[in-house]
Amino acid sequence: MEFDAKHSIITPEGVFIIGTYDENGVPNAMNAAWGQQSDYGEITLFLAKHKTTDNVKKTKAFTVAFATKDTVVISDYFGVETGNKVNKIEQAGVHVHKAPHVNAPIIEEYPVTLECEMKSWDDETGILVGKIVAMQADEKVLTDGHVDLDKLQPIIFDISTSTYRTIGPVVGQAFHDGMALKK
């Protein structure tokens, strides 16, 4: 079966919760699926104009939390509501505190959060590039000092069915398994 370009899929797509403060220190969050690590210590997000992007342009800082199986409802809410009309943080009933290294909120319900400084923002393309300056991780999702995805249970956005899915079990060892074919 052939699909047109609009109905094609690219997977996996992360579920990133972007946290910002406005010029008055009021926290906001949005859900974004189009993002990726673009270098060591760098994240790139593909966004349209939102209250969150207006905040980033003003404060030059943001956080990125990874949505999880346990945060599906609040994560989806951050994507279906606009911060231009509602204080989404209050409405969702989440708890925030200021990130230690950037002027942006950490939403305490998310166990892993990146603290980022805006490296660049392009009004025309909506591409936000952030320099990751630190990562905060709750001890409950760590194993031997590393984030354990089995404990974190991050979710992805399945664009094909408009659903959220958890990331599955380990199926191989990176930079190792392919060595069996190397001569």
N, C-alpha and C. Protein backbone atom coordinates (compact mmCIF):
# COMPACT_ATOMS: atom_id res chain seq x y z
N MET A 1 0.84 -1.17 0.00
CA MET A 1 0.00 0.00 0.00
C MET A 1 0.89 1.23 0.00
N GLU A 2 0.55 2.22 -0.77
CA GLU A 2 1.31 3.46 -0.83
C GLU A 2 0.60 4.55 -0.03
N PHE A 3 1.41 5.35 0.67
CA PHE A 3 0.89 6.46 1.46
C PHE A 3 1.45 7.76 0.92
N ASP A 4 0.66 8.84 0.99
CA ASP A 4 1.19 10.14 0.59
C ASP A 4 2.15 10.64 1.68
N ALA A 5 2.89 11.67 1.36
CA ALA A 5 3.94 12.16 2.26
C ALA A 5 3.39 12.56 3.62
N LYS A 6 2.20 13.14 3.66
CA LYS A 6 1.63 13.59 4.93
C LYS A 6 1.33 12.41 5.86
N HIS A 7 1.07 11.24 5.31
CA HIS A 7 0.73 10.07 6.11
C HIS A 7 1.88 9.08 6.28
N SER A 8 3.06 9.47 5.85
CA SER A 8 4.24 8.62 6.07
C SER A 8 4.66 8.73 7.54
N ILE A 9 5.45 7.78 7.99
CA ILE A 9 5.88 7.82 9.38
C ILE A 9 7.40 7.87 9.47
N ILE A 10 7.85 8.53 10.50
CA ILE A 10 9.24 8.48 10.93
C ILE A 10 9.18 8.10 12.40
N THR A 11 9.86 7.04 12.75
CA THR A 11 9.76 6.55 14.11
C THR A 11 11.12 6.09 14.60
N PRO A 12 11.44 6.14 15.84
CA PRO A 12 10.60 6.62 16.92
C PRO A 12 10.64 8.15 17.04
N GLU A 13 9.58 8.71 17.57
CA GLU A 13 9.53 10.14 17.86
C GLU A 13 9.39 10.28 19.37
N GLY A 14 10.32 10.99 19.97
CA GLY A 14 10.28 11.19 21.41
C GLY A 14 9.10 12.03 21.84
N VAL A 15 8.83 12.01 23.12
CA VAL A 15 7.83 12.90 23.70
C VAL A 15 8.60 13.77 24.69
N PHE A 16 8.90 14.99 24.24
CA PHE A 16 9.72 15.93 24.99
C PHE A 16 8.82 16.99 25.63
N ILE A 17 9.01 17.23 26.90
CA ILE A 17 8.25 18.27 27.60
C ILE A 17 9.21 19.44 27.82
N ILE A 18 8.92 20.54 27.15
CA ILE A 18 9.79 21.71 27.19
C ILE A 18 9.24 22.67 28.25
N GLY A 19 10.07 22.99 29.22
CA GLY A 19 9.68 23.90 30.29
C GLY A 19 10.38 25.24 30.16
N THR A 20 9.62 26.30 30.40
CA THR A 20 10.16 27.66 30.33
C THR A 20 9.52 28.53 31.41
N TYR A 21 10.15 29.66 31.67
CA TYR A 21 9.55 30.74 32.44
C TYR A 21 9.27 31.89 31.49
N ASP A 22 8.21 32.64 31.75
CA ASP A 22 8.01 33.87 30.99
C ASP A 22 8.80 34.99 31.67
N GLU A 23 8.66 36.20 31.17
CA GLU A 23 9.43 37.33 31.70
C GLU A 23 9.07 37.65 33.15
N ASN A 24 7.92 37.15 33.64
CA ASN A 24 7.49 37.38 35.02
C ASN A 24 7.77 36.18 35.92
N GLY A 25 8.45 35.18 35.40
CA GLY A 25 8.79 34.00 36.20
C GLY A 25 7.68 32.98 36.31
N VAL A 26 6.65 33.08 35.46
CA VAL A 26 5.55 32.11 35.47
C VAL A 26 5.97 30.92 34.61
N PRO A 27 5.91 29.70 35.18
CA PRO A 27 6.34 28.53 34.41
C PRO A 27 5.30 28.09 33.38
N ASN A 28 5.79 27.48 32.32
CA ASN A 28 4.95 26.94 31.25
C ASN A 28 5.61 25.67 30.74
N ALA A 29 4.81 24.81 30.11
CA ALA A 29 5.36 23.59 29.52
C ALA A 29 4.59 23.27 28.25
N MET A 30 5.29 22.65 27.30
CA MET A 30 4.64 22.17 26.09
C MET A 30 5.19 20.80 25.73
N ASN A 31 4.41 20.05 24.99
CA ASN A 31 4.77 18.72 24.51
C ASN A 31 5.24 18.87 23.07
N ALA A 32 6.40 18.30 22.76
CA ALA A 32 6.92 18.33 21.40
C ALA A 32 7.43 16.94 21.03
N ALA A 33 7.13 16.50 19.83
CA ALA A 33 7.58 15.18 19.38
C ALA A 33 8.78 15.27 18.45
N TRP A 34 8.94 16.39 17.81
CA TRP A 34 9.99 16.48 16.79
C TRP A 34 11.25 17.06 17.40
N GLY A 35 12.15 16.18 17.82
CA GLY A 35 13.40 16.60 18.42
C GLY A 35 14.42 15.49 18.36
N GLN A 36 15.68 15.86 18.59
CA GLN A 36 16.74 14.86 18.54
C GLN A 36 18.01 15.41 19.16
N GLN A 37 18.89 14.48 19.55
CA GLN A 37 20.23 14.87 19.93
C GLN A 37 20.96 15.20 18.64
N SER A 38 21.53 16.40 18.55
CA SER A 38 22.18 16.80 17.31
C SER A 38 23.69 16.87 17.43
N ASP A 39 24.21 16.70 18.61
CA ASP A 39 25.65 16.63 18.86
C ASP A 39 25.80 16.22 20.33
N TYR A 40 27.02 15.94 20.76
CA TYR A 40 27.23 15.69 22.18
C TYR A 40 26.89 16.98 22.92
N GLY A 41 26.01 16.88 23.90
CA GLY A 41 25.65 18.07 24.67
C GLY A 41 24.77 19.05 23.92
N GLU A 42 24.02 18.58 22.92
CA GLU A 42 23.17 19.49 22.14
C GLU A 42 21.87 18.79 21.76
N ILE A 43 20.78 19.54 21.82
CA ILE A 43 19.47 19.04 21.40
C ILE A 43 18.87 20.02 20.40
N THR A 44 18.20 19.48 19.39
CA THR A 44 17.51 20.30 18.40
C THR A 44 16.04 19.92 18.39
N LEU A 45 15.19 20.92 18.48
CA LEU A 45 13.74 20.72 18.49
C LEU A 45 13.15 21.49 17.32
N PHE A 46 12.17 20.89 16.69
CA PHE A 46 11.52 21.50 15.53
C PHE A 46 10.12 21.92 15.98
N LEU A 47 9.94 23.22 16.17
CA LEU A 47 8.73 23.75 16.80
C LEU A 47 8.09 24.82 15.93
N ALA A 48 6.84 25.08 16.18
CA ALA A 48 6.16 26.24 15.59
C ALA A 48 6.14 27.33 16.66
N LYS A 49 5.51 28.44 16.36
CA LYS A 49 5.41 29.53 17.33
C LYS A 49 4.42 29.13 18.43
N HIS A 50 4.89 29.24 19.68
CA HIS A 50 4.09 28.92 20.86
C HIS A 50 4.48 29.89 21.97
N LYS A 51 3.73 29.90 23.04
CA LYS A 51 4.12 30.67 24.23
C LYS A 51 5.50 30.23 24.69
N THR A 52 5.75 28.93 24.64
CA THR A 52 7.03 28.39 25.07
C THR A 52 8.18 28.95 24.23
N THR A 53 8.00 29.02 22.93
CA THR A 53 9.09 29.55 22.09
C THR A 53 9.27 31.04 22.33
N ASP A 54 8.18 31.75 22.57
CA ASP A 54 8.31 33.17 22.93
C ASP A 54 9.11 33.32 24.22
N ASN A 55 8.83 32.43 25.20
CA ASN A 55 9.56 32.47 26.46
C ASN A 55 11.05 32.17 26.26
N VAL A 56 11.36 31.18 25.45
CA VAL A 56 12.77 30.83 25.20
C VAL A 56 13.51 32.01 24.57
N LYS A 57 12.87 32.67 23.64
CA LYS A 57 13.51 33.83 23.00
C LYS A 57 13.82 34.92 24.01
N LYS A 58 12.98 35.05 25.03
CA LYS A 58 13.19 36.09 26.05
C LYS A 58 14.20 35.67 27.10
N THR A 59 14.11 34.42 27.58
CA THR A 59 14.96 33.99 28.70
C THR A 59 16.24 33.29 28.26
N LYS A 60 16.26 32.80 27.01
CA LYS A 60 17.42 32.08 26.47
C LYS A 60 17.70 30.77 27.20
N ALA A 61 16.66 30.21 27.85
CA ALA A 61 16.84 28.98 28.60
C ALA A 61 15.57 28.15 28.56
N PHE A 62 15.75 26.82 28.70
CA PHE A 62 14.61 25.90 28.75
C PHE A 62 15.07 24.58 29.33
N THR A 63 14.09 23.78 29.76
CA THR A 63 14.37 22.42 30.20
C THR A 63 13.65 21.48 29.25
N VAL A 64 14.16 20.25 29.17
CA VAL A 64 13.51 19.21 28.38
C VAL A 64 13.41 17.98 29.27
N ALA A 65 12.17 17.59 29.57
CA ALA A 65 11.91 16.38 30.36
C ALA A 65 11.42 15.31 29.41
N PHE A 66 11.70 14.06 29.77
CA PHE A 66 11.26 12.94 28.95
C PHE A 66 9.96 12.38 29.51
N ALA A 67 8.92 12.42 28.69
CA ALA A 67 7.63 11.87 29.11
C ALA A 67 7.77 10.38 29.34
N THR A 68 7.03 9.88 30.32
CA THR A 68 7.12 8.48 30.71
C THR A 68 5.74 7.84 30.76
N LYS A 69 5.74 6.54 30.94
CA LYS A 69 4.49 5.81 31.07
C LYS A 69 3.63 6.40 32.19
N ASP A 70 4.27 6.80 33.29
CA ASP A 70 3.54 7.35 34.43
C ASP A 70 3.07 8.79 34.23
N THR A 71 3.58 9.47 33.22
CA THR A 71 3.21 10.88 33.01
C THR A 71 2.44 11.11 31.71
N VAL A 72 1.83 10.07 31.17
CA VAL A 72 1.12 10.18 29.89
C VAL A 72 0.05 11.27 29.93
N VAL A 73 -0.78 11.29 30.96
CA VAL A 73 -1.91 12.23 31.00
C VAL A 73 -1.42 13.67 31.04
N ILE A 74 -0.49 13.98 31.95
CA ILE A 74 -0.02 15.37 32.01
C ILE A 74 0.79 15.73 30.77
N SER A 75 1.54 14.77 30.24
CA SER A 75 2.33 15.04 29.03
C SER A 75 1.42 15.36 27.85
N ASP A 76 0.36 14.59 27.68
CA ASP A 76 -0.57 14.85 26.58
C ASP A 76 -1.28 16.20 26.81
N TYR A 77 -1.64 16.49 28.05
CA TYR A 77 -2.28 17.77 28.37
C TYR A 77 -1.38 18.94 27.94
N PHE A 78 -0.08 18.82 28.19
CA PHE A 78 0.85 19.89 27.81
C PHE A 78 0.89 20.10 26.29
N GLY A 79 0.37 19.13 25.53
CA GLY A 79 0.31 19.25 24.08
C GLY A 79 -1.04 19.67 23.54
N VAL A 80 -2.10 19.47 24.29
CA VAL A 80 -3.44 19.79 23.77
C VAL A 80 -3.96 21.14 24.27
N GLU A 81 -3.29 21.74 25.23
CA GLU A 81 -3.71 23.03 25.77
C GLU A 81 -2.69 24.09 25.40
N THR A 82 -3.13 25.33 25.27
CA THR A 82 -2.22 26.42 24.97
C THR A 82 -1.92 27.23 26.22
N GLY A 83 -0.66 27.55 26.39
CA GLY A 83 -0.24 28.40 27.50
C GLY A 83 -0.61 29.84 27.30
N ASN A 84 -1.09 30.19 26.12
CA ASN A 84 -1.55 31.56 25.88
C ASN A 84 -2.90 31.83 26.54
N LYS A 85 -3.64 30.77 26.89
CA LYS A 85 -4.96 30.94 27.48
C LYS A 85 -5.05 30.45 28.92
N VAL A 86 -4.20 29.49 29.30
CA VAL A 86 -4.31 28.82 30.59
C VAL A 86 -2.92 28.66 31.21
N ASN A 87 -2.85 28.73 32.54
CA ASN A 87 -1.62 28.37 33.22
C ASN A 87 -1.61 26.85 33.31
N LYS A 88 -0.90 26.22 32.38
CA LYS A 88 -0.92 24.76 32.27
C LYS A 88 -0.29 24.07 33.47
N ILE A 89 0.68 24.70 34.09
CA ILE A 89 1.33 24.11 35.26
C ILE A 89 0.32 23.99 36.41
N GLU A 90 -0.42 25.08 36.67
CA GLU A 90 -1.44 25.04 37.72
C GLU A 90 -2.55 24.05 37.38
N GLN A 91 -3.04 24.11 36.14
CA GLN A 91 -4.14 23.24 35.74
C GLN A 91 -3.77 21.76 35.84
N ALA A 92 -2.54 21.43 35.48
CA ALA A 92 -2.09 20.04 35.54
C ALA A 92 -1.79 19.60 36.97
N GLY A 93 -1.62 20.56 37.87
CA GLY A 93 -1.34 20.22 39.26
C GLY A 93 0.05 19.68 39.51
N VAL A 94 1.00 20.05 38.63
CA VAL A 94 2.37 19.57 38.80
C VAL A 94 3.16 20.52 39.67
N HIS A 95 4.31 20.06 40.12
CA HIS A 95 5.18 20.82 41.02
C HIS A 95 6.46 21.20 40.27
N VAL A 96 6.88 22.43 40.44
CA VAL A 96 8.09 22.89 39.75
C VAL A 96 9.05 23.56 40.72
N HIS A 97 10.30 23.53 40.36
CA HIS A 97 11.31 24.34 41.03
C HIS A 97 12.30 24.81 39.96
N LYS A 98 13.02 25.87 40.27
CA LYS A 98 13.97 26.43 39.31
C LYS A 98 15.14 25.47 39.12
N ALA A 99 15.50 25.28 37.88
CA ALA A 99 16.66 24.44 37.56
C ALA A 99 17.91 25.07 38.18
N PRO A 100 18.85 24.26 38.64
CA PRO A 100 20.05 24.80 39.27
C PRO A 100 20.97 25.59 38.35
N HIS A 101 20.94 25.29 37.03
CA HIS A 101 21.94 25.87 36.14
C HIS A 101 21.38 26.82 35.08
N VAL A 102 20.06 26.81 34.85
CA VAL A 102 19.46 27.69 33.84
C VAL A 102 18.17 28.29 34.39
N ASN A 103 17.73 29.37 33.79
CA ASN A 103 16.50 30.04 34.22
C ASN A 103 15.29 29.39 33.56
N ALA A 104 14.98 28.18 34.04
CA ALA A 104 13.86 27.42 33.51
C ALA A 104 13.38 26.46 34.59
N PRO A 105 12.12 26.03 34.51
CA PRO A 105 11.58 25.16 35.56
C PRO A 105 11.88 23.68 35.34
N ILE A 106 12.06 22.98 36.44
CA ILE A 106 12.08 21.53 36.43
C ILE A 106 10.73 21.08 36.96
N ILE A 107 10.04 20.27 36.18
CA ILE A 107 8.75 19.73 36.60
C ILE A 107 9.05 18.43 37.35
N GLU A 108 8.74 18.42 38.62
CA GLU A 108 9.18 17.35 39.52
C GLU A 108 8.57 15.99 39.21
N GLU A 109 7.47 15.95 38.50
CA GLU A 109 6.84 14.67 38.16
C GLU A 109 7.62 13.89 37.11
N TYR A 110 8.54 14.55 36.41
CA TYR A 110 9.37 13.88 35.40
C TYR A 110 10.71 13.50 36.01
N PRO A 111 11.11 12.23 35.90
CA PRO A 111 12.33 11.78 36.57
C PRO A 111 13.65 12.17 35.88
N VAL A 112 13.62 12.56 34.61
CA VAL A 112 14.86 12.97 33.93
C VAL A 112 14.58 14.27 33.17
N THR A 113 15.44 15.26 33.42
CA THR A 113 15.28 16.57 32.80
C THR A 113 16.63 17.11 32.37
N LEU A 114 16.69 17.62 31.14
CA LEU A 114 17.88 18.30 30.63
C LEU A 114 17.73 19.80 30.89
N GLU A 115 18.81 20.43 31.33
CA GLU A 115 18.83 21.89 31.49
C GLU A 115 19.57 22.45 30.27
N CYS A 116 18.92 23.37 29.57
CA CYS A 116 19.47 23.84 28.30
C CYS A 116 19.52 25.36 28.20
N GLU A 117 20.56 25.84 27.54
CA GLU A 117 20.66 27.24 27.14
C GLU A 117 20.37 27.31 25.66
N MET A 118 19.63 28.33 25.25
CA MET A 118 19.34 28.49 23.83
C MET A 118 20.64 28.80 23.08
N LYS A 119 20.94 27.98 22.11
CA LYS A 119 22.10 28.21 21.25
C LYS A 119 21.66 29.02 20.03
N SER A 120 20.48 28.64 19.49
CA SER A 120 19.92 29.40 18.37
C SER A 120 18.42 29.12 18.24
N TRP A 121 17.73 30.07 17.68
CA TRP A 121 16.31 29.95 17.36
C TRP A 121 16.10 30.61 16.01
N ASP A 122 15.40 29.95 15.12
CA ASP A 122 15.13 30.49 13.80
C ASP A 122 13.62 30.69 13.65
N ASP A 123 13.19 31.96 13.59
CA ASP A 123 11.76 32.28 13.47
C ASP A 123 11.16 31.69 12.21
N GLU A 124 11.92 31.62 11.15
CA GLU A 124 11.40 31.14 9.87
C GLU A 124 11.17 29.63 9.86
N THR A 125 12.13 28.89 10.38
CA THR A 125 12.02 27.43 10.34
C THR A 125 11.45 26.83 11.62
N GLY A 126 11.48 27.58 12.73
CA GLY A 126 11.02 27.06 14.01
C GLY A 126 11.99 26.07 14.62
N ILE A 127 13.25 26.14 14.24
CA ILE A 127 14.25 25.22 14.78
C ILE A 127 14.94 25.86 15.98
N LEU A 128 14.84 25.17 17.11
CA LEU A 128 15.48 25.59 18.35
C LEU A 128 16.63 24.64 18.64
N VAL A 129 17.82 25.20 18.81
CA VAL A 129 18.99 24.40 19.17
C VAL A 129 19.39 24.81 20.58
N GLY A 130 19.56 23.80 21.43
CA GLY A 130 19.94 24.07 22.80
C GLY A 130 21.23 23.39 23.19
N LYS A 131 22.02 24.10 23.98
CA LYS A 131 23.22 23.53 24.57
C LYS A 131 22.81 22.93 25.90
N ILE A 132 23.03 21.63 26.06
CA ILE A 132 22.70 20.96 27.32
C ILE A 132 23.81 21.28 28.31
N VAL A 133 23.44 21.90 29.44
CA VAL A 133 24.45 22.26 30.43
C VAL A 133 24.47 21.30 31.62
N ALA A 134 23.37 20.58 31.83
CA ALA A 134 23.30 19.61 32.92
C ALA A 134 22.08 18.72 32.71
N MET A 135 22.09 17.57 33.38
CA MET A 135 20.93 16.69 33.38
C MET A 135 20.63 16.32 34.82
N GLN A 136 19.37 16.43 35.19
CA GLN A 136 18.92 16.03 36.52
C GLN A 136 18.18 14.70 36.38
N ALA A 137 18.52 13.72 37.20
CA ALA A 137 17.87 12.41 37.14
C ALA A 137 17.56 11.94 38.55
N ASP A 138 16.34 11.48 38.73
CA ASP A 138 15.90 10.93 40.01
C ASP A 138 16.60 9.60 40.24
N GLU A 139 17.04 9.39 41.46
CA GLU A 139 17.75 8.14 41.82
C GLU A 139 16.94 6.89 41.47
N LYS A 140 15.60 7.00 41.49
CA LYS A 140 14.76 5.82 41.27
C LYS A 140 14.85 5.29 39.84
N VAL A 141 15.42 6.06 38.91
CA VAL A 141 15.54 5.58 37.53
C VAL A 141 17.00 5.29 37.16
N LEU A 142 17.85 5.21 38.15
CA LEU A 142 19.27 4.94 37.90
C LEU A 142 19.63 3.50 38.27
N THR A 143 20.56 2.96 37.51
CA THR A 143 21.20 1.68 37.82
C THR A 143 22.69 1.88 37.59
N ASP A 144 23.48 1.63 38.61
CA ASP A 144 24.94 1.80 38.53
C ASP A 144 25.33 3.18 38.00
N GLY A 145 24.59 4.22 38.42
CA GLY A 145 24.93 5.58 38.05
C GLY A 145 24.52 6.00 36.65
N HIS A 146 23.73 5.18 35.97
CA HIS A 146 23.26 5.50 34.61
C HIS A 146 21.73 5.47 34.58
N VAL A 147 21.15 6.31 33.71
CA VAL A 147 19.71 6.27 33.52
C VAL A 147 19.35 4.90 32.94
N ASP A 148 18.44 4.22 33.58
CA ASP A 148 17.99 2.89 33.18
C ASP A 148 16.63 3.04 32.51
N LEU A 149 16.59 2.84 31.20
CA LEU A 149 15.34 3.03 30.46
C LEU A 149 14.25 2.07 30.90
N ASP A 150 14.62 0.89 31.41
CA ASP A 150 13.60 -0.02 31.93
C ASP A 150 12.90 0.58 33.15
N LYS A 151 13.65 1.32 33.96
CA LYS A 151 13.05 1.98 35.12
C LYS A 151 12.36 3.28 34.73
N LEU A 152 12.94 4.04 33.81
CA LEU A 152 12.38 5.31 33.37
C LEU A 152 11.05 5.11 32.63
N GLN A 153 10.98 4.12 31.80
CA GLN A 153 9.83 3.83 30.94
C GLN A 153 9.42 5.04 30.09
N PRO A 154 10.38 5.56 29.29
CA PRO A 154 10.04 6.69 28.42
C PRO A 154 9.06 6.25 27.34
N ILE A 155 8.28 7.21 26.88
CA ILE A 155 7.31 6.91 25.83
C ILE A 155 7.72 7.59 24.54
N ILE A 156 7.21 7.03 23.45
CA ILE A 156 7.37 7.65 22.13
C ILE A 156 5.98 7.94 21.57
N PHE A 157 5.94 8.87 20.64
CA PHE A 157 4.71 9.19 19.93
C PHE A 157 4.66 8.35 18.67
N ASP A 158 3.60 7.57 18.51
CA ASP A 158 3.39 6.76 17.32
C ASP A 158 2.47 7.56 16.41
N ILE A 159 3.07 8.25 15.44
CA ILE A 159 2.31 9.13 14.55
C ILE A 159 1.34 8.35 13.68
N SER A 160 1.63 7.08 13.43
CA SER A 160 0.79 6.26 12.57
C SER A 160 -0.60 6.04 13.17
N THR A 161 -0.65 5.91 14.49
CA THR A 161 -1.93 5.64 15.16
C THR A 161 -2.32 6.70 16.18
N SER A 162 -1.53 7.78 16.26
CA SER A 162 -1.75 8.85 17.26
C SER A 162 -1.86 8.27 18.66
N THR A 163 -0.88 7.45 19.00
CA THR A 163 -0.83 6.83 20.33
C THR A 163 0.55 7.04 20.94
N TYR A 164 0.65 6.75 22.22
CA TYR A 164 1.93 6.75 22.91
C TYR A 164 2.29 5.30 23.19
N ARG A 165 3.57 4.98 23.04
CA ARG A 165 4.07 3.63 23.30
C ARG A 165 5.30 3.73 24.20
N THR A 166 5.51 2.70 25.00
CA THR A 166 6.74 2.66 25.80
C THR A 166 7.87 2.12 24.93
N ILE A 167 9.06 2.48 25.30
CA ILE A 167 10.25 1.95 24.62
C ILE A 167 10.49 0.55 25.17
N GLY A 168 10.80 -0.38 24.30
CA GLY A 168 10.89 -1.79 24.67
C GLY A 168 12.22 -2.24 25.23
N PRO A 169 12.38 -3.56 25.33
CA PRO A 169 13.56 -4.16 25.95
C PRO A 169 14.81 -4.04 25.07
N VAL A 170 15.94 -4.30 25.67
CA VAL A 170 17.22 -4.31 24.95
C VAL A 170 17.22 -5.47 23.96
N VAL A 171 17.65 -5.21 22.72
CA VAL A 171 17.71 -6.26 21.70
C VAL A 171 19.12 -6.47 21.15
N GLY A 172 20.06 -5.65 21.58
CA GLY A 172 21.43 -5.79 21.10
C GLY A 172 22.35 -4.82 21.81
N GLN A 173 23.65 -4.97 21.56
CA GLN A 173 24.67 -4.13 22.16
C GLN A 173 25.29 -3.24 21.09
N ALA A 174 25.14 -1.92 21.23
CA ALA A 174 25.68 -0.97 20.26
C ALA A 174 27.21 -1.04 20.22
N PHE A 175 27.76 -0.84 19.04
CA PHE A 175 29.21 -0.85 18.81
C PHE A 175 29.85 -2.18 19.20
N HIS A 176 29.05 -3.24 19.17
CA HIS A 176 29.55 -4.55 19.54
C HIS A 176 29.01 -5.64 18.61
N ASP A 177 27.69 -5.73 18.51
CA ASP A 177 27.06 -6.84 17.79
C ASP A 177 27.46 -6.90 16.32
N GLY A 178 27.63 -5.76 15.70
CA GLY A 178 28.03 -5.72 14.30
C GLY A 178 29.45 -6.15 14.04
N MET A 179 30.26 -6.20 15.10
CA MET A 179 31.66 -6.62 14.95
C MET A 179 31.77 -8.04 14.44
N ALA A 180 30.74 -8.84 14.62
CA ALA A 180 30.75 -10.23 14.14
C ALA A 180 30.85 -10.30 12.62
N LEU A 181 30.44 -9.23 11.93
CA LEU A 181 30.50 -9.20 10.47
C LEU A 181 31.73 -8.48 9.95
N LYS A 182 32.47 -7.84 10.81
CA LYS A 182 33.64 -7.08 10.42
C LYS A 182 34.83 -8.00 10.17
N LYS A 183 35.53 -7.76 9.08
CA LYS A 183 36.71 -8.59 8.76
C LYS A 183 37.98 -7.92 9.18
